[in-house]
């Protein structure tokens, strides 16, 4: 009983933490509740997030505001075609007085790193982030440096502009726990944006969360209960993207070149627990899995040329999979 009450108190404290951060962000951000919730899931689980949407949807502003609301270091890199890996991770500098090389650390050494328009940088720069995102460390001049904790990469990209862009390699896309599709606001929401933002300075934000609180929330999320039936449900969903015929989806087989990897299973589990946590529950429901499913899976399903010809997207496939797999 003591352990159960402690767990419930941890969930309540974590939910209050998320509410504080969300309230602070909404001083600047109108609407975009789903995007803010997913960013909180990334922050409270340590998973990197990729935001895809046309310019002007407050992606960069939301990430910058999130960093301002947390007692953590923040760096922003504007990715451009002439960016070099050293501009991201740092480089070795020769000191003439001592005759020695010393490491000058790049902007990647921050708690929250905003990679703005990440698909504008060439592959060599994109790959420089791979080690940092997966291993939380970088190598400069043969020496390995640990990155500060927490470390979170929040990246944005424009889906409509192809001139001067470089598609992210699958290996790097898979490093992002979530890929969010940020859409246009509703008409009433846009009117509120007009009233609040047109010609007015951004309101200042207060620091409402510490890194210690974030680490405590991460530990509490790890303790969120998941029944074995929910575990089987997650495995069935991911397995259905690899062998759709085994789940009554034989017509999807020609449309899927590669299904989701075991990393998708892990992230779907973690995100489902985090969603339940943010909802104030110490246990996971199937609805938690469904809610975060598309954001976890859409960038991990590689479609075929046939799917492209039939204008079937990975989102369409994910929706079909969730509709077909039996809910416990």
C-alpha atoms as a PDB file:
ATOM      1  CA  UNK A   1       0.000   0.000   0.000  1.00  0.00           C
ATOM      2  CA  UNK A   2       2.823   2.398   0.848  1.00  0.00           C
ATOM      3  CA  UNK A   3       4.459   1.818  -2.557  1.00  0.00           C
ATOM      4  CA  UNK A   4       1.138   2.300  -4.348  1.00  0.00           C
ATOM      5  CA  UNK A   5       0.405   5.593  -2.558  1.00  0.00           C
ATOM      6  CA  UNK A   6       3.943   6.781  -3.298  1.00  0.00           C
ATOM      7  CA  UNK A   7       3.457   5.972  -6.988  1.00  0.00           C
ATOM      8  CA  UNK A   8       0.149   7.849  -7.054  1.00  0.00           C
ATOM      9  CA  UNK A   9       1.740  10.862  -5.393  1.00  0.00           C
ATOM     10  CA  UNK A  10       4.552  10.783  -7.991  1.00  0.00           C
ATOM     11  CA  UNK A  11       2.001  10.731 -10.815  1.00  0.00           C
ATOM     12  CA  UNK A  12       0.098  13.639  -9.242  1.00  0.00           C
ATOM     13  CA  UNK A  13       3.317  15.641  -8.861  1.00  0.00           C
ATOM     14  CA  UNK A  14       4.305  14.896 -12.450  1.00  0.00           C
ATOM     15  CA  UNK A  15       0.904  15.922 -13.768  1.00  0.00           C
ATOM     16  CA  UNK A  16       1.144  19.197 -11.853  1.00  0.00           C
ATOM     17  CA  UNK A  17       4.623  19.764 -13.324  1.00  0.00           C
ATOM     18  CA  UNK A  18       3.285  19.225 -16.859  1.00  0.00           C
ATOM     19  CA  UNK A  19       0.367  21.587 -16.169  1.00  0.00           C
ATOM     20  CA  UNK A  20       2.736  24.311 -14.957  1.00  0.00           C
ATOM     21  CA  UNK A  21       4.860  24.053 -18.094  1.00  0.00           C
ATOM     22  CA  UNK A  22       1.803  23.920 -20.365  1.00  0.00           C
ATOM     23  CA  UNK A  23       0.224  26.978 -18.724  1.00  0.00           C
ATOM     24  CA  UNK A  24       3.446  28.911 -19.160  1.00  0.00           C
ATOM     25  CA  UNK A  25       3.701  27.976 -22.849  1.00  0.00           C
ATOM     26  CA  UNK A  26       0.111  29.026 -23.472  1.00  0.00           C
ATOM     27  CA  UNK A  27       1.038  32.569 -22.500  1.00  0.00           C
ATOM     28  CA  UNK A  28       2.598  32.707 -25.959  1.00  0.00           C
ATOM     29  CA  UNK A  29       1.206  29.749 -27.878  1.00  0.00           C
ATOM     30  CA  UNK A  30      -2.448  29.756 -28.914  1.00  0.00           C
ATOM     31  CA  UNK A  31      -3.872  26.274 -29.452  1.00  0.00           C
ATOM     32  CA  UNK A  32      -1.418  23.569 -30.609  1.00  0.00           C
ATOM     33  CA  UNK A  33      -2.349  21.480 -27.545  1.00  0.00           C
ATOM     34  CA  UNK A  34      -1.350  18.206 -29.215  1.00  0.00           C
ATOM     35  CA  UNK A  35       2.089  19.559 -30.164  1.00  0.00           C
ATOM     36  CA  UNK A  36       2.710  20.841 -26.626  1.00  0.00           C
ATOM     37  CA  UNK A  37       1.619  17.513 -25.137  1.00  0.00           C
ATOM     38  CA  UNK A  38       3.969  15.552 -27.405  1.00  0.00           C
ATOM     39  CA  UNK A  39       6.843  17.903 -26.596  1.00  0.00           C
ATOM     40  CA  UNK A  40       6.188  17.279 -22.905  1.00  0.00           C
ATOM     41  CA  UNK A  41       6.232  13.533 -23.582  1.00  0.00           C
ATOM     42  CA  UNK A  42       9.630  13.945 -25.245  1.00  0.00           C
ATOM     43  CA  UNK A  43      10.935  16.084 -22.388  1.00  0.00           C
ATOM     44  CA  UNK A  44       9.708  13.742 -19.658  1.00  0.00           C
ATOM     45  CA  UNK A  45      11.026  10.592 -21.356  1.00  0.00           C
ATOM     46  CA  UNK A  46      14.239  11.904 -22.918  1.00  0.00           C
ATOM     47  CA  UNK A  47      13.064  11.142 -26.462  1.00  0.00           C
ATOM     48  CA  UNK A  48      13.952  13.412 -29.377  1.00  0.00           C
ATOM     49  CA  UNK A  49      11.102  14.998 -31.356  1.00  0.00           C
ATOM     50  CA  UNK A  50      10.867  15.996 -35.030  1.00  0.00           C
ATOM     51  CA  UNK A  51       8.244  18.629 -35.897  1.00  0.00           C
ATOM     52  CA  UNK A  52       7.144  18.830 -39.519  1.00  0.00           C
ATOM     53  CA  UNK A  53       4.961  21.653 -40.773  1.00  0.00           C
ATOM     54  CA  UNK A  54       4.836  24.667 -43.064  1.00  0.00           C
ATOM     55  CA  UNK A  55       6.428  27.923 -41.840  1.00  0.00           C
ATOM     56  CA  UNK A  56       4.478  30.121 -39.456  1.00  0.00           C
ATOM     57  CA  UNK A  57       2.904  27.463 -37.221  1.00  0.00           C
ATOM     58  CA  UNK A  58       4.883  28.449 -34.083  1.00  0.00           C
ATOM     59  CA  UNK A  59       7.121  25.355 -34.111  1.00  0.00           C
ATOM     60  CA  UNK A  60      10.312  27.261 -33.331  1.00  0.00           C
ATOM     61  CA  UNK A  61       8.555  29.602 -30.903  1.00  0.00           C
ATOM     62  CA  UNK A  62       7.099  26.666 -28.973  1.00  0.00           C
ATOM     63  CA  UNK A  63      10.468  24.939 -28.604  1.00  0.00           C
ATOM     64  CA  UNK A  64      12.194  28.173 -27.551  1.00  0.00           C
ATOM     65  CA  UNK A  65       9.406  28.893 -25.049  1.00  0.00           C
ATOM     66  CA  UNK A  66       9.674  25.362 -23.638  1.00  0.00           C
ATOM     67  CA  UNK A  67      13.369  25.937 -22.988  1.00  0.00           C
ATOM     68  CA  UNK A  68      12.643  29.272 -21.297  1.00  0.00           C
ATOM     69  CA  UNK A  69      10.133  27.631 -18.941  1.00  0.00           C
ATOM     70  CA  UNK A  70      12.752  25.123 -17.722  1.00  0.00           C
ATOM     71  CA  UNK A  71      15.884  25.747 -15.694  1.00  0.00           C
ATOM     72  CA  UNK A  72      18.100  24.278 -18.405  1.00  0.00           C
ATOM     73  CA  UNK A  73      20.565  25.448 -21.058  1.00  0.00           C
ATOM     74  CA  UNK A  74      19.296  26.025 -24.592  1.00  0.00           C
ATOM     75  CA  UNK A  75      20.973  26.368 -27.976  1.00  0.00           C
ATOM     76  CA  UNK A  76      19.538  26.904 -31.442  1.00  0.00           C
ATOM     77  CA  UNK A  77      21.231  25.914 -34.682  1.00  0.00           C
ATOM     78  CA  UNK A  78      19.870  27.293 -37.942  1.00  0.00           C
ATOM     79  CA  UNK A  79      20.693  24.521 -40.387  1.00  0.00           C
ATOM     80  CA  UNK A  80      21.922  25.786 -43.774  1.00  0.00           C
ATOM     81  CA  UNK A  81      23.548  24.115 -46.797  1.00  0.00           C
ATOM     82  CA  UNK A  82      26.991  25.532 -45.887  1.00  0.00           C
ATOM     83  CA  UNK A  83      26.923  24.319 -42.267  1.00  0.00           C
ATOM     84  CA  UNK A  84      29.849  22.137 -41.187  1.00  0.00           C
ATOM     85  CA  UNK A  85      29.910  19.312 -38.585  1.00  0.00           C
ATOM     86  CA  UNK A  86      32.294  21.422 -36.486  1.00  0.00           C
ATOM     87  CA  UNK A  87      29.605  24.113 -36.311  1.00  0.00           C
ATOM     88  CA  UNK A  88      27.431  21.587 -34.461  1.00  0.00           C
ATOM     89  CA  UNK A  89      29.725  19.495 -32.244  1.00  0.00           C
ATOM     90  CA  UNK A  90      32.758  21.787 -31.962  1.00  0.00           C
ATOM     91  CA  UNK A  91      36.382  21.591 -33.057  1.00  0.00           C
ATOM     92  CA  UNK A  92      39.988  21.551 -31.836  1.00  0.00           C
ATOM     93  CA  UNK A  93      41.668  24.961 -31.468  1.00  0.00           C
ATOM     94  CA  UNK A  94      45.467  25.386 -31.485  1.00  0.00           C
ATOM     95  CA  UNK A  95      46.859  27.522 -28.674  1.00  0.00           C
ATOM     96  CA  UNK A  96      50.072  29.207 -29.846  1.00  0.00           C
ATOM     97  CA  UNK A  97      51.244  30.069 -26.343  1.00  0.00           C
ATOM     98  CA  UNK A  98      51.028  26.527 -24.989  1.00  0.00           C
ATOM     99  CA  UNK A  99      51.511  24.713 -28.269  1.00  0.00           C
ATOM    100  CA  UNK A 100      48.543  22.484 -27.462  1.00  0.00           C
ATOM    101  CA  UNK A 101      45.166  21.801 -29.002  1.00  0.00           C
ATOM    102  CA  UNK A 102      42.085  22.387 -26.868  1.00  0.00           C
ATOM    103  CA  UNK A 103      38.512  21.464 -27.612  1.00  0.00           C
ATOM    104  CA  UNK A 104      36.050  24.232 -28.300  1.00  0.00           C
ATOM    105  CA  UNK A 105      32.614  22.793 -27.648  1.00  0.00           C
ATOM    106  CA  UNK A 106      29.818  23.460 -30.096  1.00  0.00           C
ATOM    107  CA  UNK A 107      26.141  24.306 -29.492  1.00  0.00           C
ATOM    108  CA  UNK A 108      25.281  20.608 -29.136  1.00  0.00           C
ATOM    109  CA  UNK A 109      26.467  20.911 -25.518  1.00  0.00           C
ATOM    110  CA  UNK A 110      23.097  22.079 -24.227  1.00  0.00           C
ATOM    111  CA  UNK A 111      20.186  20.505 -22.389  1.00  0.00           C
ATOM    112  CA  UNK A 112      17.748  21.413 -25.150  1.00  0.00           C
ATOM    113  CA  UNK A 113      19.012  21.744 -28.725  1.00  0.00           C
ATOM    114  CA  UNK A 114      16.745  23.236 -31.375  1.00  0.00           C
ATOM    115  CA  UNK A 115      17.787  22.038 -34.829  1.00  0.00           C
ATOM    116  CA  UNK A 116      15.854  24.501 -36.971  1.00  0.00           C
ATOM    117  CA  UNK A 117      15.081  23.365 -40.546  1.00  0.00           C
ATOM    118  CA  UNK A 118      17.244  20.297 -40.048  1.00  0.00           C
ATOM    119  CA  UNK A 119      16.695  19.075 -43.622  1.00  0.00           C
ATOM    120  CA  UNK A 120      18.544  22.111 -45.019  1.00  0.00           C
ATOM    121  CA  UNK A 121      21.948  20.808 -43.889  1.00  0.00           C
ATOM    122  CA  UNK A 122      23.975  18.288 -45.943  1.00  0.00           C
ATOM    123  CA  UNK A 123      24.152  14.619 -44.839  1.00  0.00           C
ATOM    124  CA  UNK A 124      27.591  15.016 -43.225  1.00  0.00           C
ATOM    125  CA  UNK A 125      26.172  17.554 -40.766  1.00  0.00           C
ATOM    126  CA  UNK A 126      23.040  15.511 -40.140  1.00  0.00           C
ATOM    127  CA  UNK A 127      25.154  12.447 -39.353  1.00  0.00           C
ATOM    128  CA  UNK A 128      27.168  14.501 -36.846  1.00  0.00           C
ATOM    129  CA  UNK A 129      24.051  14.510 -34.690  1.00  0.00           C
ATOM    130  CA  UNK A 130      23.687  10.712 -34.776  1.00  0.00           C
ATOM    131  CA  UNK A 131      26.205   9.958 -32.042  1.00  0.00           C
ATOM    132  CA  UNK A 132      24.909  12.816 -29.918  1.00  0.00           C
ATOM    133  CA  UNK A 133      21.273  11.732 -30.204  1.00  0.00           C
ATOM    134  CA  UNK A 134      21.879   8.046 -29.537  1.00  0.00           C
ATOM    135  CA  UNK A 135      24.904   7.946 -27.258  1.00  0.00           C
ATOM    136  CA  UNK A 136      24.581  11.375 -25.592  1.00  0.00           C
ATOM    137  CA  UNK A 137      28.233  12.001 -26.356  1.00  0.00           C
ATOM    138  CA  UNK A 138      30.362  13.491 -29.142  1.00  0.00           C
ATOM    139  CA  UNK A 139      33.906  12.958 -30.331  1.00  0.00           C
ATOM    140  CA  UNK A 140      36.126  15.976 -31.025  1.00  0.00           C
ATOM    141  CA  UNK A 141      39.664  15.374 -32.218  1.00  0.00           C
ATOM    142  CA  UNK A 142      39.651  11.778 -31.037  1.00  0.00           C
ATOM    143  CA  UNK A 143      38.465  12.708 -27.541  1.00  0.00           C
ATOM    144  CA  UNK A 144      34.978  11.786 -26.327  1.00  0.00           C
ATOM    145  CA  UNK A 145      32.900  14.281 -24.370  1.00  0.00           C
ATOM    146  CA  UNK A 146      29.677  13.482 -22.524  1.00  0.00           C
ATOM    147  CA  UNK A 147      26.719  15.763 -23.200  1.00  0.00           C
ATOM    148  CA  UNK A 148      24.847  17.409 -20.323  1.00  0.00           C
ATOM    149  CA  UNK A 149      21.771  15.694 -18.924  1.00  0.00           C
ATOM    150  CA  UNK A 150      18.983  16.006 -19.691  1.00  0.00           C
ATOM    151  CA  UNK A 151      19.797  16.197 -23.406  1.00  0.00           C
ATOM    152  CA  UNK A 152      16.984  16.639 -25.901  1.00  0.00           C
ATOM    153  CA  UNK A 153      17.015  17.381 -29.638  1.00  0.00           C
ATOM    154  CA  UNK A 154      13.902  19.103 -30.947  1.00  0.00           C
ATOM    155  CA  UNK A 155      14.099  19.527 -34.719  1.00  0.00           C
ATOM    156  CA  UNK A 156      11.878  21.250 -37.260  1.00  0.00           C
ATOM    157  CA  UNK A 157      11.554  20.740 -40.990  1.00  0.00           C
ATOM    158  CA  UNK A 158       9.488  22.166 -43.830  1.00  0.00           C
ATOM    159  CA  UNK A 159       7.659  19.432 -45.818  1.00  0.00           C
ATOM    160  CA  UNK A 160       6.755  21.504 -48.876  1.00  0.00           C
ATOM    161  CA  UNK A 161      10.038  23.125 -49.907  1.00  0.00           C
ATOM    162  CA  UNK A 162      12.406  20.830 -51.792  1.00  0.00           C
ATOM    163  CA  UNK A 163      14.854  23.403 -53.192  1.00  0.00           C
ATOM    164  CA  UNK A 164      18.103  23.262 -51.225  1.00  0.00           C
ATOM    165  CA  UNK A 165      16.986  20.523 -48.851  1.00  0.00           C
ATOM    166  CA  UNK A 166      18.445  17.106 -48.050  1.00  0.00           C
ATOM    167  CA  UNK A 167      16.054  14.322 -46.954  1.00  0.00           C
ATOM    168  CA  UNK A 168      16.962  12.930 -43.555  1.00  0.00           C
ATOM    169  CA  UNK A 169      18.461   9.413 -43.773  1.00  0.00           C
ATOM    170  CA  UNK A 170      16.325   6.642 -42.272  1.00  0.00           C
ATOM    171  CA  UNK A 171      18.953   5.986 -39.595  1.00  0.00           C
ATOM    172  CA  UNK A 172      18.612   9.524 -38.283  1.00  0.00           C
ATOM    173  CA  UNK A 173      14.833   9.724 -38.600  1.00  0.00           C
ATOM    174  CA  UNK A 174      14.622   6.553 -36.513  1.00  0.00           C
ATOM    175  CA  UNK A 175      16.528   8.324 -33.715  1.00  0.00           C
ATOM    176  CA  UNK A 176      13.537  10.619 -33.215  1.00  0.00           C
ATOM    177  CA  UNK A 177      11.066   9.083 -30.801  1.00  0.00           C
ATOM    178  CA  UNK A 178       8.187  11.125 -32.237  1.00  0.00           C
ATOM    179  CA  UNK A 179       7.508  12.763 -35.568  1.00  0.00           C
ATOM    180  CA  UNK A 180       4.735  15.337 -35.312  1.00  0.00           C
ATOM    181  CA  UNK A 181       2.716  16.714 -38.185  1.00  0.00           C
ATOM    182  CA  UNK A 182       1.835  20.292 -37.226  1.00  0.00           C
ATOM    183  CA  UNK A 183      -1.263  21.546 -39.028  1.00  0.00           C
ATOM    184  CA  UNK A 184      -2.997  24.878 -39.514  1.00  0.00           C
ATOM    185  CA  UNK A 185      -5.016  26.262 -36.598  1.00  0.00           C
ATOM    186  CA  UNK A 186      -8.802  26.410 -36.642  1.00  0.00           C
ATOM    187  CA  UNK A 187     -10.498  29.643 -37.657  1.00  0.00           C
ATOM    188  CA  UNK A 188     -11.427  30.666 -34.096  1.00  0.00           C
ATOM    189  CA  UNK A 189      -7.908  29.880 -32.894  1.00  0.00           C
ATOM    190  CA  UNK A 190      -6.365  31.962 -35.666  1.00  0.00           C
ATOM    191  CA  UNK A 191      -8.524  34.917 -34.657  1.00  0.00           C
ATOM    192  CA  UNK A 192      -7.158  34.651 -31.122  1.00  0.00           C
ATOM    193  CA  UNK A 193      -3.615  34.513 -32.569  1.00  0.00           C
ATOM    194  CA  UNK A 194      -4.357  37.722 -34.458  1.00  0.00           C
ATOM    195  CA  UNK A 195      -5.575  39.498 -31.337  1.00  0.00           C
ATOM    196  CA  UNK A 196      -2.771  38.316 -29.111  1.00  0.00           C
ATOM    197  CA  UNK A 197       0.278  38.419 -31.374  1.00  0.00           C
ATOM    198  CA  UNK A 198      -0.196  41.053 -34.113  1.00  0.00           C
ATOM    199  CA  UNK A 199       2.093  43.990 -33.342  1.00  0.00           C
ATOM    200  CA  UNK A 200       2.604  43.039 -29.700  1.00  0.00           C
ATOM    201  CA  UNK A 201       5.816  41.891 -27.975  1.00  0.00           C
ATOM    202  CA  UNK A 202       6.044  38.339 -26.709  1.00  0.00           C
ATOM    203  CA  UNK A 203       5.101  38.065 -23.027  1.00  0.00           C
ATOM    204  CA  UNK A 204       7.994  37.033 -20.748  1.00  0.00           C
ATOM    205  CA  UNK A 205       7.986  33.508 -19.341  1.00  0.00           C
ATOM    206  CA  UNK A 206       8.961  32.325 -15.884  1.00  0.00           C
ATOM    207  CA  UNK A 207      11.061  29.273 -15.060  1.00  0.00           C
ATOM    208  CA  UNK A 208       8.506  26.797 -13.670  1.00  0.00           C
ATOM    209  CA  UNK A 209      10.455  23.512 -13.762  1.00  0.00           C
ATOM    210  CA  UNK A 210      13.880  22.269 -12.713  1.00  0.00           C
ATOM    211  CA  UNK A 211      15.958  19.441 -14.139  1.00  0.00           C
ATOM    212  CA  UNK A 212      15.570  17.592 -10.832  1.00  0.00           C
ATOM    213  CA  UNK A 213      11.779  17.613 -11.289  1.00  0.00           C
ATOM    214  CA  UNK A 214      12.186  16.332 -14.840  1.00  0.00           C
ATOM    215  CA  UNK A 215      14.385  13.433 -13.689  1.00  0.00           C
ATOM    216  CA  UNK A 216      11.857  12.614 -10.954  1.00  0.00           C
ATOM    217  CA  UNK A 217       9.049  12.567 -13.519  1.00  0.00           C
ATOM    218  CA  UNK A 218      11.091  10.253 -15.779  1.00  0.00           C
ATOM    219  CA  UNK A 219      11.520   7.806 -12.912  1.00  0.00           C
ATOM    220  CA  UNK A 220       7.790   7.943 -12.159  1.00  0.00           C
ATOM    221  CA  UNK A 221       6.907   7.297 -15.809  1.00  0.00           C
ATOM    222  CA  UNK A 222       9.091   4.186 -15.736  1.00  0.00           C
ATOM    223  CA  UNK A 223       6.988   2.904 -12.829  1.00  0.00           C
ATOM    224  CA  UNK A 224       3.638   3.386 -14.611  1.00  0.00           C
ATOM    225  CA  UNK A 225       1.912  -0.009 -14.717  1.00  0.00           C
ATOM    226  CA  UNK A 226       1.349  -1.742 -18.040  1.00  0.00           C
ATOM    227  CA  UNK A 227      -0.677  -4.951 -18.126  1.00  0.00           C
ATOM    228  CA  UNK A 228       0.668  -7.860 -20.162  1.00  0.00           C
ATOM    229  CA  UNK A 229      -2.371  -7.606 -22.458  1.00  0.00           C
ATOM    230  CA  UNK A 230      -1.348  -4.039 -23.350  1.00  0.00           C
ATOM    231  CA  UNK A 231       2.205  -5.255 -23.985  1.00  0.00           C
ATOM    232  CA  UNK A 232       0.834  -7.926 -26.357  1.00  0.00           C
ATOM    233  CA  UNK A 233      -1.301  -5.253 -28.051  1.00  0.00           C
ATOM    234  CA  UNK A 234       1.758  -3.056 -28.710  1.00  0.00           C
ATOM    235  CA  UNK A 235       3.749  -6.001 -30.080  1.00  0.00           C
ATOM    236  CA  UNK A 236       0.806  -7.002 -32.324  1.00  0.00           C
ATOM    237  CA  UNK A 237       0.534  -3.442 -33.704  1.00  0.00           C
ATOM    238  CA  UNK A 238       4.227  -3.235 -34.552  1.00  0.00           C
ATOM    239  CA  UNK A 239       4.259  -6.798 -35.923  1.00  0.00           C
ATOM    240  CA  UNK A 240       1.307  -5.934 -38.188  1.00  0.00           C
ATOM    241  CA  UNK A 241       3.450  -3.311 -39.945  1.00  0.00           C
ATOM    242  CA  UNK A 242       5.965  -6.038 -40.847  1.00  0.00           C
ATOM    243  CA  UNK A 243       3.593  -8.925 -41.660  1.00  0.00           C
ATOM    244  CA  UNK A 244       0.233  -7.324 -42.437  1.00  0.00           C
ATOM    245  CA  UNK A 245      -1.180 -10.525 -43.980  1.00  0.00           C
ATOM    246  CA  UNK A 246      -0.949 -12.279 -40.594  1.00  0.00           C
ATOM    247  CA  UNK A 247      -3.357  -9.675 -39.215  1.00  0.00           C
ATOM    248  CA  UNK A 248      -5.910  -9.707 -42.019  1.00  0.00           C
ATOM    249  CA  UNK A 249      -4.255  -6.857 -43.934  1.00  0.00           C
ATOM    250  CA  UNK A 250      -2.922  -8.725 -46.961  1.00  0.00           C
ATOM    251  CA  UNK A 251      -3.718  -5.769 -49.239  1.00  0.00           C
ATOM    252  CA  UNK A 252      -1.181  -3.646 -47.316  1.00  0.00           C
ATOM    253  CA  UNK A 253       1.725  -6.012 -48.002  1.00  0.00           C
ATOM    254  CA  UNK A 254       2.583  -4.534 -51.467  1.00  0.00           C
ATOM    255  CA  UNK A 255       2.494  -1.018 -49.964  1.00  0.00           C
ATOM    256  CA  UNK A 256       5.015  -1.589 -47.149  1.00  0.00           C
ATOM    257  CA  UNK A 257       8.691  -1.958 -48.011  1.00  0.00           C
ATOM    258  CA  UNK A 258       9.913  -2.043 -44.410  1.00  0.00           C
ATOM    259  CA  UNK A 259       7.853  -2.202 -41.245  1.00  0.00           C
ATOM    260  CA  UNK A 260       8.612  -0.664 -37.871  1.00  0.00           C
ATOM    261  CA  UNK A 261      11.697  -1.845 -35.960  1.00  0.00           C
ATOM    262  CA  UNK A 262      11.899  -3.042 -32.327  1.00  0.00           C
ATOM    263  CA  UNK A 263      12.811   0.547 -31.447  1.00  0.00           C
ATOM    264  CA  UNK A 264       9.212   1.394 -32.350  1.00  0.00           C
ATOM    265  CA  UNK A 265       8.004  -1.180 -29.823  1.00  0.00           C
ATOM    266  CA  UNK A 266      10.145   0.393 -27.121  1.00  0.00           C
ATOM    267  CA  UNK A 267       9.111   3.954 -27.921  1.00  0.00           C
ATOM    268  CA  UNK A 268       5.430   3.050 -28.239  1.00  0.00           C
ATOM    269  CA  UNK A 269       5.631   1.545 -24.749  1.00  0.00           C
ATOM    270  CA  UNK A 270       7.449   4.549 -23.283  1.00  0.00           C
ATOM    271  CA  UNK A 271       5.147   7.093 -24.920  1.00  0.00           C
ATOM    272  CA  UNK A 272       2.010   5.211 -23.848  1.00  0.00           C
ATOM    273  CA  UNK A 273       3.235   5.274 -20.249  1.00  0.00           C
ATOM    274  CA  UNK A 274       4.050   8.982 -20.526  1.00  0.00           C
ATOM    275  CA  UNK A 275       0.608   9.754 -21.987  1.00  0.00           C
ATOM    276  CA  UNK A 276      -1.071   7.920 -19.104  1.00  0.00           C
ATOM    277  CA  UNK A 277       1.198   9.802 -16.696  1.00  0.00           C
ATOM    278  CA  UNK A 278       0.213  13.182 -18.160  1.00  0.00           C
ATOM    279  CA  UNK A 279      -3.417  12.117 -17.871  1.00  0.00           C
ATOM    280  CA  UNK A 280      -2.925  11.531 -14.139  1.00  0.00           C
ATOM    281  CA  UNK A 281      -3.048   7.734 -14.248  1.00  0.00           C
ATOM    282  CA  UNK A 282      -0.602   5.176 -12.913  1.00  0.00           C
ATOM    283  CA  UNK A 283      -1.617   2.578 -15.502  1.00  0.00           C
ATOM    284  CA  UNK A 284      -1.812   2.376 -19.304  1.00  0.00           C
ATOM    285  CA  UNK A 285      -5.016   2.002 -21.335  1.00  0.00           C
ATOM    286  CA  UNK A 286      -5.299   0.937 -24.997  1.00  0.00           C
ATOM    287  CA  UNK A 287      -6.386   4.511 -25.790  1.00  0.00           C
ATOM    288  CA  UNK A 288      -2.948   5.732 -24.681  1.00  0.00           C
ATOM    289  CA  UNK A 289      -1.339   3.466 -27.278  1.00  0.00           C
ATOM    290  CA  UNK A 290      -3.750   4.635 -29.978  1.00  0.00           C
ATOM    291  CA  UNK A 291      -3.260   8.316 -29.163  1.00  0.00           C
ATOM    292  CA  UNK A 292       0.526   8.288 -29.566  1.00  0.00           C
ATOM    293  CA  UNK A 293       0.657   5.497 -32.154  1.00  0.00           C
ATOM    294  CA  UNK A 294       0.753   7.588 -35.317  1.00  0.00           C
ATOM    295  CA  UNK A 295       3.468   9.920 -33.998  1.00  0.00           C
ATOM    296  CA  UNK A 296       5.679   6.957 -33.041  1.00  0.00           C
ATOM    297  CA  UNK A 297       5.129   4.873 -36.183  1.00  0.00           C
ATOM    298  CA  UNK A 298       4.647   7.225 -39.142  1.00  0.00           C
ATOM    299  CA  UNK A 299       8.375   7.771 -39.762  1.00  0.00           C
ATOM    300  CA  UNK A 300       9.299   4.131 -39.149  1.00  0.00           C
ATOM    301  CA  UNK A 301       7.189   2.616 -41.920  1.00  0.00           C
ATOM    302  CA  UNK A 302       8.883   2.794 -45.321  1.00  0.00           C
ATOM    303  CA  UNK A 303       6.320   2.695 -48.132  1.00  0.00           C
ATOM    304  CA  UNK A 304       6.859   1.278 -51.627  1.00  0.00           C
ATOM    305  CA  UNK A 305       6.651   3.014 -55.004  1.00  0.00           C
ATOM    306  CA  UNK A 306       3.265   1.349 -55.410  1.00  0.00           C
ATOM    307  CA  UNK A 307       2.007   3.101 -52.284  1.00  0.00           C
ATOM    308  CA  UNK A 308       3.316   6.397 -53.602  1.00  0.00           C
ATOM    309  CA  UNK A 309       1.560   5.810 -56.927  1.00  0.00           C
ATOM    310  CA  UNK A 310      -1.695   5.081 -55.106  1.00  0.00           C
ATOM    311  CA  UNK A 311      -1.130   8.099 -52.820  1.00  0.00           C
ATOM    312  CA  UNK A 312      -1.158   5.908 -49.709  1.00  0.00           C
ATOM    313  CA  UNK A 313       0.866   7.441 -46.884  1.00  0.00           C
ATOM    314  CA  UNK A 314       2.401   5.860 -43.802  1.00  0.00           C
ATOM    315  CA  UNK A 315      -0.322   7.617 -41.779  1.00  0.00           C
ATOM    316  CA  UNK A 316      -2.953   5.757 -43.798  1.00  0.00           C
ATOM    317  CA  UNK A 317      -1.192   2.463 -43.108  1.00  0.00           C
ATOM    318  CA  UNK A 318      -0.944   3.166 -39.367  1.00  0.00           C
ATOM    319  CA  UNK A 319      -4.658   3.974 -39.247  1.00  0.00           C
ATOM    320  CA  UNK A 320      -5.493   0.697 -41.027  1.00  0.00           C
ATOM    321  CA  UNK A 321      -3.264  -1.260 -38.638  1.00  0.00           C
ATOM    322  CA  UNK A 322      -4.881   0.179 -35.515  1.00  0.00           C
ATOM    323  CA  UNK A 323      -8.325  -0.468 -36.975  1.00  0.00           C
ATOM    324  CA  UNK A 324      -7.474  -4.117 -37.678  1.00  0.00           C
ATOM    325  CA  UNK A 325      -5.520  -5.170 -34.560  1.00  0.00           C
ATOM    326  CA  UNK A 326      -7.843  -6.391 -31.815  1.00  0.00           C
ATOM    327  CA  UNK A 327      -7.957  -4.157 -28.728  1.00  0.00           C
ATOM    328  CA  UNK A 328      -7.569  -5.984 -25.400  1.00  0.00           C
END
